[in-house]
Amino acid sequence: MLRTLVAGALRSVCRVQPAYALQHTQRACFGHLIAASAPAQRKPNLLPASSLTSTPTLLQAPVPAAVPARSVTKFSLIKGKRKSVKAVLKRFKRLDWGAWIRTHSGRQKKLFKKSAELRRRLRQHVFTNATQSWLLDKMVTSYWRRPKHYIDDPYAPYHKRDEYFATKSKTFKV
């Protein structure tokens, strides 16, 4: 990402010139870098000292923080439809009331080092928080957000959450 940002910045500063002006263009774009690495025999710079210290160089630019990528396909190439992220469908399960659950990370690694209590806790599932659930909902299509009904579903007791008003299932009067 940093490479494309730098390339784009250089492209906007250094417009494409004819071949005979290539050396002049490079000197115009990278002159401050060439002057910094040049020997002391060079001619003195005629610019004021304040402009020399205030011009930022490429080496002094701060490195941007890594931005996590969600890899969501918003428009597919064939039908132009939104696509689900397969990693979300593989790692998470959505309950009918909107929460997502997952297993503990590292639950199968180095079990010989872990106590029996920790191994029991690692077999259990964990809820995602509201922000993560909202993000996961955006990463899948509406098909995966709808309730699914499977035969002998092991998650059947967890699909209902009637103790809270927001997730309470409606009772129909006949």
C-alpha atoms as a PDB file:
ATOM      1  CA  MET A   1       0.000   0.000   0.000  1.00  0.00           C
ATOM      2  CA  LEU A   2       2.826   2.371   0.864  1.00  0.00           C
ATOM      3  CA  ARG A   3       4.469   1.528  -2.438  1.00  0.00           C
ATOM      4  CA  THR A   4       1.370   2.493  -4.418  1.00  0.00           C
ATOM      5  CA  LEU A   5       0.962   5.721  -2.436  1.00  0.00           C
ATOM      6  CA  VAL A   6       4.567   6.734  -3.117  1.00  0.00           C
ATOM      7  CA  ALA A   7       4.287   5.747  -6.781  1.00  0.00           C
ATOM      8  CA  GLY A   8       1.085   7.769  -7.141  1.00  0.00           C
ATOM      9  CA  ALA A   9       2.640  10.794  -5.444  1.00  0.00           C
ATOM     10  CA  LEU A  10       5.700  10.618  -7.693  1.00  0.00           C
ATOM     11  CA  ARG A  11       3.505  10.207 -10.759  1.00  0.00           C
ATOM     12  CA  SER A  12       1.521  13.319  -9.884  1.00  0.00           C
ATOM     13  CA  VAL A  13       4.654  15.368  -9.199  1.00  0.00           C
ATOM     14  CA  CYS A  14       6.709  14.090 -12.125  1.00  0.00           C
ATOM     15  CA  ARG A  15       4.612  14.234 -15.263  1.00  0.00           C
ATOM     16  CA  VAL A  16       5.739  12.176 -18.263  1.00  0.00           C
ATOM     17  CA  GLN A  17       8.199  14.188 -20.370  1.00  0.00           C
ATOM     18  CA  PRO A  18       9.932  13.440 -23.673  1.00  0.00           C
ATOM     19  CA  ALA A  19      13.023  11.211 -23.522  1.00  0.00           C
ATOM     20  CA  TYR A  20      15.491  14.130 -23.920  1.00  0.00           C
ATOM     21  CA  ALA A  21      14.070  15.829 -20.817  1.00  0.00           C
ATOM     22  CA  LEU A  22      14.223  12.710 -18.634  1.00  0.00           C
ATOM     23  CA  GLN A  23      17.456  13.671 -16.870  1.00  0.00           C
ATOM     24  CA  HIS A  24      16.163  17.189 -16.207  1.00  0.00           C
ATOM     25  CA  THR A  25      12.873  15.791 -14.821  1.00  0.00           C
ATOM     26  CA  GLN A  26      14.668  13.396 -12.505  1.00  0.00           C
ATOM     27  CA  ARG A  27      16.842  16.230 -11.211  1.00  0.00           C
ATOM     28  CA  ALA A  28      13.747  18.379 -10.663  1.00  0.00           C
ATOM     29  CA  CYS A  29      11.884  15.646  -8.779  1.00  0.00           C
ATOM     30  CA  PHE A  30      14.729  14.144  -6.780  1.00  0.00           C
ATOM     31  CA  GLY A  31      17.042  17.131  -6.539  1.00  0.00           C
ATOM     32  CA  HIS A  32      16.771  17.438  -2.764  1.00  0.00           C
ATOM     33  CA  LEU A  33      17.725  13.749  -2.382  1.00  0.00           C
ATOM     34  CA  ILE A  34      20.650  14.063  -4.808  1.00  0.00           C
ATOM     35  CA  ALA A  35      21.874  17.182  -3.017  1.00  0.00           C
ATOM     36  CA  ALA A  36      21.748  15.413   0.349  1.00  0.00           C
ATOM     37  CA  SER A  37      23.948  12.551  -0.855  1.00  0.00           C
ATOM     38  CA  ALA A  38      26.314  14.674  -2.988  1.00  0.00           C
ATOM     39  CA  PRO A  39      29.918  15.419  -1.907  1.00  0.00           C
ATOM     40  CA  ALA A  40      30.844  18.748  -0.311  1.00  0.00           C
ATOM     41  CA  GLN A  41      32.432  20.086  -3.565  1.00  0.00           C
ATOM     42  CA  ARG A  42      29.005  20.874  -5.041  1.00  0.00           C
ATOM     43  CA  LYS A  43      27.891  24.447  -5.648  1.00  0.00           C
ATOM     44  CA  PRO A  44      26.111  26.042  -2.687  1.00  0.00           C
ATOM     45  CA  ASN A  45      22.336  26.039  -2.819  1.00  0.00           C
ATOM     46  CA  LEU A  46      20.858  29.466  -3.554  1.00  0.00           C
ATOM     47  CA  LEU A  47      17.614  28.812  -1.667  1.00  0.00           C
ATOM     48  CA  PRO A  48      17.130  30.415   1.764  1.00  0.00           C
ATOM     49  CA  ALA A  49      17.881  28.245   4.782  1.00  0.00           C
ATOM     50  CA  SER A  50      14.256  28.273   5.950  1.00  0.00           C
ATOM     51  CA  SER A  51      13.055  26.604   2.754  1.00  0.00           C
ATOM     52  CA  LEU A  52      15.709  23.893   3.060  1.00  0.00           C
ATOM     53  CA  THR A  53      14.560  22.822   6.500  1.00  0.00           C
ATOM     54  CA  SER A  54      10.829  23.028   5.807  1.00  0.00           C
ATOM     55  CA  THR A  55      10.754  20.856   2.675  1.00  0.00           C
ATOM     56  CA  PRO A  56       9.872  17.280   3.637  1.00  0.00           C
ATOM     57  CA  THR A  57      11.730  14.456   1.950  1.00  0.00           C
ATOM     58  CA  LEU A  58      10.486  11.001   1.148  1.00  0.00           C
ATOM     59  CA  LEU A  59      12.718   9.551   3.827  1.00  0.00           C
ATOM     60  CA  GLN A  60      11.125  11.671   6.562  1.00  0.00           C
ATOM     61  CA  ALA A  61       7.538  10.730   5.723  1.00  0.00           C
ATOM     62  CA  PRO A  62       5.793   8.802   8.518  1.00  0.00           C
ATOM     63  CA  VAL A  63       4.889   5.223   7.785  1.00  0.00           C
ATOM     64  CA  PRO A  64       1.080   4.735   7.820  1.00  0.00           C
ATOM     65  CA  ALA A  65      -0.356   2.112  10.152  1.00  0.00           C
ATOM     66  CA  ALA A  66      -1.425  -1.188   8.643  1.00  0.00           C
ATOM     67  CA  VAL A  67      -5.118  -1.149   7.777  1.00  0.00           C
ATOM     68  CA  PRO A  68      -6.893  -4.502   8.034  1.00  0.00           C
ATOM     69  CA  ALA A  69      -8.513  -5.615   4.803  1.00  0.00           C
ATOM     70  CA  ARG A  70     -11.953  -7.255   4.819  1.00  0.00           C
ATOM     71  CA  SER A  71     -11.734  -8.445   1.198  1.00  0.00           C
ATOM     72  CA  VAL A  72     -15.441  -7.921   0.497  1.00  0.00           C
ATOM     73  CA  THR A  73     -16.468  -8.177  -3.152  1.00  0.00           C
ATOM     74  CA  LYS A  74     -19.125  -5.527  -3.582  1.00  0.00           C
ATOM     75  CA  PHE A  75     -19.737  -6.123  -7.283  1.00  0.00           C
ATOM     76  CA  SER A  76     -18.821  -9.462  -8.866  1.00  0.00           C
ATOM     77  CA  LEU A  77     -17.441  -9.460 -12.387  1.00  0.00           C
ATOM     78  CA  ILE A  78     -20.022 -11.832 -13.866  1.00  0.00           C
ATOM     79  CA  LYS A  79     -23.370 -10.839 -12.321  1.00  0.00           C
ATOM     80  CA  GLY A  80     -22.430  -7.646 -10.500  1.00  0.00           C
ATOM     81  CA  LYS A  81     -23.718  -8.951  -7.172  1.00  0.00           C
ATOM     82  CA  ARG A  82     -22.234  -8.714  -3.697  1.00  0.00           C
ATOM     83  CA  LYS A  83     -20.328 -11.805  -2.492  1.00  0.00           C
ATOM     84  CA  SER A  84     -19.855 -13.304   0.952  1.00  0.00           C
ATOM     85  CA  VAL A  85     -16.406 -13.634   2.465  1.00  0.00           C
ATOM     86  CA  LYS A  86     -15.719 -17.361   2.646  1.00  0.00           C
ATOM     87  CA  ALA A  87     -13.413 -17.044   5.667  1.00  0.00           C
ATOM     88  CA  VAL A  88     -16.311 -15.648   7.739  1.00  0.00           C
ATOM     89  CA  LEU A  89     -18.591 -18.528   6.772  1.00  0.00           C
ATOM     90  CA  LYS A  90     -15.876 -21.024   7.621  1.00  0.00           C
ATOM     91  CA  ARG A  91     -14.894 -19.577  11.026  1.00  0.00           C
ATOM     92  CA  PHE A  92     -18.125 -18.144  12.446  1.00  0.00           C
ATOM     93  CA  LYS A  93     -21.740 -19.265  12.978  1.00  0.00           C
ATOM     94  CA  ARG A  94     -24.626 -16.800  13.081  1.00  0.00           C
ATOM     95  CA  LEU A  95     -27.392 -17.442  15.571  1.00  0.00           C
ATOM     96  CA  ASP A  96     -31.007 -16.619  14.759  1.00  0.00           C
ATOM     97  CA  TRP A  97     -31.089 -13.605  17.086  1.00  0.00           C
ATOM     98  CA  GLY A  98     -28.157 -11.902  15.335  1.00  0.00           C
ATOM     99  CA  ALA A  99     -25.116 -12.858  17.389  1.00  0.00           C
ATOM    100  CA  TRP A 100     -22.096 -14.601  15.926  1.00  0.00           C
ATOM    101  CA  ILE A 101     -20.161 -17.321  17.736  1.00  0.00           C
ATOM    102  CA  ARG A 102     -16.720 -18.767  17.157  1.00  0.00           C
ATOM    103  CA  THR A 103     -14.356 -21.233  18.759  1.00  0.00           C
ATOM    104  CA  HIS A 104     -11.306 -20.213  20.770  1.00  0.00           C
ATOM    105  CA  SER A 105      -8.188 -19.593  18.749  1.00  0.00           C
ATOM    106  CA  GLY A 106      -5.414 -22.107  19.328  1.00  0.00           C
ATOM    107  CA  ARG A 107      -7.803 -24.632  20.853  1.00  0.00           C
ATOM    108  CA  GLN A 108      -6.006 -27.600  19.266  1.00  0.00           C
ATOM    109  CA  LYS A 109      -2.411 -26.454  19.778  1.00  0.00           C
ATOM    110  CA  LYS A 110      -0.083 -27.847  22.435  1.00  0.00           C
ATOM    111  CA  LEU A 111      -2.817 -29.496  24.449  1.00  0.00           C
ATOM    112  CA  PHE A 112      -0.235 -31.465  26.434  1.00  0.00           C
ATOM    113  CA  LYS A 113       0.854 -28.203  28.110  1.00  0.00           C
ATOM    114  CA  LYS A 114      -2.658 -27.078  29.045  1.00  0.00           C
ATOM    115  CA  SER A 115      -4.567 -28.024  32.153  1.00  0.00           C
ATOM    116  CA  ALA A 116      -7.837 -29.950  32.041  1.00  0.00           C
ATOM    117  CA  GLU A 117      -9.797 -26.822  33.002  1.00  0.00           C
ATOM    118  CA  LEU A 118      -8.240 -24.804  30.195  1.00  0.00           C
ATOM    119  CA  ARG A 119      -8.866 -27.606  27.685  1.00  0.00           C
ATOM    120  CA  ARG A 120     -12.534 -27.682  28.752  1.00  0.00           C
ATOM    121  CA  ARG A 121     -12.803 -23.887  28.309  1.00  0.00           C
ATOM    122  CA  LEU A 122     -11.160 -24.079  24.894  1.00  0.00           C
ATOM    123  CA  ARG A 123     -13.826 -26.542  23.695  1.00  0.00           C
ATOM    124  CA  GLN A 124     -16.519 -23.932  24.394  1.00  0.00           C
ATOM    125  CA  HIS A 125     -17.613 -21.229  21.978  1.00  0.00           C
ATOM    126  CA  VAL A 126     -17.237 -17.460  22.373  1.00  0.00           C
ATOM    127  CA  PHE A 127     -19.628 -14.668  21.377  1.00  0.00           C
ATOM    128  CA  THR A 128     -18.430 -11.787  19.255  1.00  0.00           C
ATOM    129  CA  ASN A 129     -19.152  -8.293  20.519  1.00  0.00           C
ATOM    130  CA  ALA A 130     -21.626  -5.895  18.890  1.00  0.00           C
ATOM    131  CA  THR A 131     -19.030  -4.196  16.686  1.00  0.00           C
ATOM    132  CA  GLN A 132     -17.670  -7.494  15.406  1.00  0.00           C
ATOM    133  CA  SER A 133     -21.198  -8.820  14.772  1.00  0.00           C
ATOM    134  CA  TRP A 134     -22.069  -5.688  12.790  1.00  0.00           C
ATOM    135  CA  LEU A 135     -18.896  -6.070  10.727  1.00  0.00           C
ATOM    136  CA  LEU A 136     -19.522  -9.773  10.089  1.00  0.00           C
ATOM    137  CA  ASP A 137     -23.103  -9.001   9.028  1.00  0.00           C
ATOM    138  CA  LYS A 138     -21.714  -6.641   6.391  1.00  0.00           C
ATOM    139  CA  MET A 139     -19.267  -9.286   5.167  1.00  0.00           C
ATOM    140  CA  VAL A 140     -21.978 -11.839   4.296  1.00  0.00           C
ATOM    141  CA  THR A 141     -25.025 -11.631   2.056  1.00  0.00           C
ATOM    142  CA  SER A 142     -28.623 -11.573   3.234  1.00  0.00           C
ATOM    143  CA  TYR A 143     -28.893 -15.320   2.573  1.00  0.00           C
ATOM    144  CA  TRP A 144     -26.508 -16.060   5.447  1.00  0.00           C
ATOM    145  CA  ARG A 145     -28.230 -13.532   7.726  1.00  0.00           C
ATOM    146  CA  ARG A 146     -31.559 -15.369   7.489  1.00  0.00           C
ATOM    147  CA  PRO A 147     -32.283 -18.116  10.054  1.00  0.00           C
ATOM    148  CA  LYS A 148     -31.313 -21.597   8.908  1.00  0.00           C
ATOM    149  CA  HIS A 149     -33.107 -24.753  10.066  1.00  0.00           C
ATOM    150  CA  TYR A 150     -31.054 -27.942  10.163  1.00  0.00           C
ATOM    151  CA  ILE A 151     -32.004 -31.438  11.323  1.00  0.00           C
ATOM    152  CA  ASP A 152     -30.499 -32.230  14.739  1.00  0.00           C
ATOM    153  CA  ASP A 153     -28.853 -28.804  14.949  1.00  0.00           C
ATOM    154  CA  PRO A 154     -26.427 -28.782  17.928  1.00  0.00           C
ATOM    155  CA  TYR A 155     -26.911 -25.010  18.219  1.00  0.00           C
ATOM    156  CA  ALA A 156     -30.722 -25.244  18.523  1.00  0.00           C
ATOM    157  CA  PRO A 157     -30.894 -24.211  22.222  1.00  0.00           C
ATOM    158  CA  TYR A 158     -28.803 -21.107  21.497  1.00  0.00           C
ATOM    159  CA  HIS A 159     -30.925 -19.769  18.641  1.00  0.00           C
ATOM    160  CA  LYS A 160     -33.484 -18.278  21.060  1.00  0.00           C
ATOM    161  CA  ARG A 161     -32.802 -15.493  23.516  1.00  0.00           C
ATOM    162  CA  ASP A 162     -36.109 -14.676  25.158  1.00  0.00           C
ATOM    163  CA  GLU A 163     -34.787 -13.090  28.353  1.00  0.00           C
ATOM    164  CA  TYR A 164     -34.100  -9.758  26.585  1.00  0.00           C
ATOM    165  CA  PHE A 165     -36.738  -7.560  24.979  1.00  0.00           C
ATOM    166  CA  ALA A 166     -34.756  -6.812  21.810  1.00  0.00           C
ATOM    167  CA  THR A 167     -34.173 -10.483  20.983  1.00  0.00           C
ATOM    168  CA  LYS A 168     -37.412 -11.908  22.362  1.00  0.00           C
ATOM    169  CA  SER A 169     -39.375 -14.023  19.890  1.00  0.00           C
ATOM    170  CA  LYS A 170     -42.946 -12.936  19.232  1.00  0.00           C
ATOM    171  CA  THR A 171     -45.764 -15.032  20.605  1.00  0.00           C
ATOM    172  CA  PHE A 172     -48.707 -15.382  18.259  1.00  0.00           C
ATOM    173  CA  LYS A 173     -52.222 -15.307  19.691  1.00  0.00           C
ATOM    174  CA  VAL A 174     -54.727 -17.599  17.993  1.00  0.00           C
END
